Amino acid sequence: MSKDGRPISDWLGKVFGLLVFLGGVGLLLLVFKLAYDQFNVPPEQVLKIKKGEPFDVSIALQGFGAVFLRVMLLVVMSVVGSLVANRGIAMFTGSRALPGSWLQPKMKKAEPTQDSASDERDRA
């Protein structure tokens, strides 16, 4: 607390937290844009199926494998974007925490074990 009773806030932590959060949201928006672009491609084009020609399974499986790989990369990118946004939220709220407030993690006191109690008796 400041001298006049107002809570002390870390403005630099708030700014970085907000920037990291917006970066994570930007990554998520990029993932949604890439997914939208990917799913607007017709299946015939992705699987390289041509009308009037015999169906080649190996070429279709290659196309399916490429689509599956792209989807998995989109999943990974969305997880990374959400983790970045979550870290930004944590930075923002951490910069607002007051000493002794509920936002800061509480440290538990270590309870004595049986070994430490017997060591105390041996010393005495």
Protein backbone atom coordinates (compact mmCIF):
# COMPACT_ATOMS: atom_id res chain seq x y z
CA MET A 1 0.00 0.00 0.00
CA SER A 2 1.09 3.48 -0.72
CA LYS A 3 1.27 6.20 1.92
CA ASP A 4 -2.26 7.35 1.21
CA GLY A 5 -3.74 3.83 1.47
CA ARG A 6 -4.14 3.07 -2.25
CA PRO A 7 -2.88 -0.27 -3.57
CA ILE A 8 0.45 -0.25 -5.37
CA SER A 9 0.21 -1.57 -8.90
CA ASP A 10 2.96 -2.54 -11.33
CA TRP A 11 2.06 -0.72 -14.56
CA LEU A 12 4.90 -2.33 -16.54
CA GLY A 13 3.66 -5.80 -15.61
CA LYS A 14 0.15 -4.82 -16.66
CA VAL A 15 1.36 -3.54 -20.03
CA PHE A 16 3.46 -6.65 -20.74
CA GLY A 17 0.66 -8.91 -19.56
CA LEU A 18 -1.79 -7.17 -21.85
CA LEU A 19 0.63 -7.35 -24.79
CA VAL A 20 1.29 -11.06 -24.24
CA PHE A 21 -2.45 -11.71 -23.96
CA LEU A 22 -3.13 -9.82 -27.20
CA GLY A 23 -0.29 -11.76 -28.87
CA GLY A 24 -1.93 -15.04 -27.82
CA VAL A 25 -5.30 -13.86 -29.11
CA GLY A 26 -3.60 -12.85 -32.36
CA LEU A 27 -2.11 -16.34 -32.68
CA LEU A 28 -5.55 -17.86 -32.13
CA LEU A 29 -7.06 -15.59 -34.78
CA LEU A 30 -4.31 -16.63 -37.19
CA VAL A 31 -5.08 -20.30 -36.50
CA PHE A 32 -8.78 -19.73 -37.15
CA LYS A 33 -7.96 -17.94 -40.43
CA LEU A 34 -5.66 -20.78 -41.56
CA ALA A 35 -8.28 -23.37 -40.61
CA TYR A 36 -10.97 -21.47 -42.51
CA ASP A 37 -8.76 -21.26 -45.59
CA GLN A 38 -7.87 -24.94 -45.35
CA PHE A 39 -11.44 -26.16 -45.01
CA ASN A 40 -12.66 -24.06 -47.95
CA VAL A 41 -10.62 -26.18 -50.37
CA PRO A 42 -12.83 -28.78 -52.11
CA PRO A 43 -12.06 -32.43 -51.18
CA GLU A 44 -11.49 -33.36 -54.83
CA GLN A 45 -8.66 -30.86 -55.00
CA VAL A 46 -7.10 -31.92 -51.69
CA LEU A 47 -7.25 -35.66 -52.44
CA LYS A 48 -6.26 -35.05 -56.10
CA ILE A 49 -9.25 -36.91 -57.47
CA LYS A 50 -9.94 -36.16 -61.13
CA LYS A 51 -13.24 -36.92 -62.82
CA GLY A 52 -13.09 -39.49 -65.60
CA GLU A 53 -9.77 -40.96 -64.42
CA PRO A 54 -9.33 -44.14 -62.36
CA PHE A 55 -9.14 -43.64 -58.58
CA ASP A 56 -5.56 -43.96 -57.32
CA VAL A 57 -5.56 -44.93 -53.65
CA SER A 58 -1.92 -44.02 -53.01
CA ILE A 59 -2.37 -40.45 -54.29
CA ALA A 60 -5.59 -40.07 -52.27
CA LEU A 61 -3.84 -41.35 -49.11
CA GLN A 62 -1.01 -38.89 -49.65
CA GLY A 63 -3.53 -36.06 -49.85
CA PHE A 64 -5.31 -37.35 -46.75
CA GLY A 65 -1.99 -37.56 -44.89
CA ALA A 66 -1.20 -33.97 -45.84
CA VAL A 67 -4.61 -32.81 -44.58
CA PHE A 68 -4.18 -34.77 -41.34
CA LEU A 69 -0.74 -33.23 -40.78
CA ARG A 70 -2.13 -29.72 -41.36
CA VAL A 71 -4.97 -30.33 -38.90
CA MET A 72 -2.52 -31.58 -36.25
CA LEU A 73 -0.35 -28.49 -36.78
CA LEU A 74 -3.44 -26.30 -36.37
CA VAL A 75 -4.22 -28.08 -33.10
CA VAL A 76 -0.68 -27.51 -31.83
CA MET A 77 -0.79 -23.86 -32.90
CA SER A 78 -4.12 -23.34 -31.13
CA VAL A 79 -2.77 -24.88 -27.93
CA VAL A 80 0.31 -22.64 -28.09
CA GLY A 81 -1.85 -19.56 -28.72
CA SER A 82 -4.09 -20.36 -25.76
CA LEU A 83 -1.07 -20.96 -23.51
CA VAL A 84 0.42 -17.61 -24.53
CA ALA A 85 -2.88 -15.84 -23.88
CA ASN A 86 -3.17 -17.59 -20.50
CA ARG A 87 0.35 -16.48 -19.58
CA GLY A 88 -0.57 -12.91 -20.45
CA ILE A 89 -3.60 -13.09 -18.17
CA ALA A 90 -1.42 -14.48 -15.39
CA MET A 91 1.12 -11.67 -15.86
CA PHE A 92 -1.63 -9.06 -15.82
CA THR A 93 -3.29 -10.38 -12.68
CA GLY A 94 0.08 -10.98 -11.01
CA SER A 95 1.00 -7.34 -11.47
CA ARG A 96 -2.21 -6.31 -9.70
CA ALA A 97 -1.73 -8.58 -6.69
CA LEU A 98 -1.21 -6.95 -3.36
CA PRO A 99 1.08 -8.39 -0.75
CA GLY A 100 -0.97 -10.85 1.28
CA SER A 101 -3.89 -10.85 -1.17
CA TRP A 102 -5.71 -13.96 -2.36
CA LEU A 103 -4.14 -13.64 -5.83
CA GLN A 104 -0.69 -14.51 -4.58
CA PRO A 105 0.01 -18.19 -3.88
CA LYS A 106 0.17 -19.09 -0.24
CA MET A 107 3.21 -21.02 0.94
CA LYS A 108 2.41 -23.97 3.16
CA LYS A 109 4.58 -24.59 6.17
CA ALA A 110 6.47 -27.84 6.03
CA GLU A 111 5.21 -30.27 8.60
CA PRO A 112 7.86 -32.14 10.56
CA THR A 113 8.34 -35.75 9.54
CA GLN A 114 9.05 -38.64 11.85
CA ASP A 115 12.73 -38.60 10.85
CA SER A 116 13.16 -34.94 11.78
CA ALA A 117 11.40 -35.51 15.12
CA SER A 118 13.71 -38.40 15.95
CA ASP A 119 16.74 -36.29 14.96
CA GLU A 120 15.57 -33.61 17.41
CA ARG A 121 15.41 -36.23 20.22
CA ASP A 122 18.86 -37.60 19.35
CA ARG A 123 20.42 -34.16 19.60
CA ALA A 124 18.96 -33.55 23.06
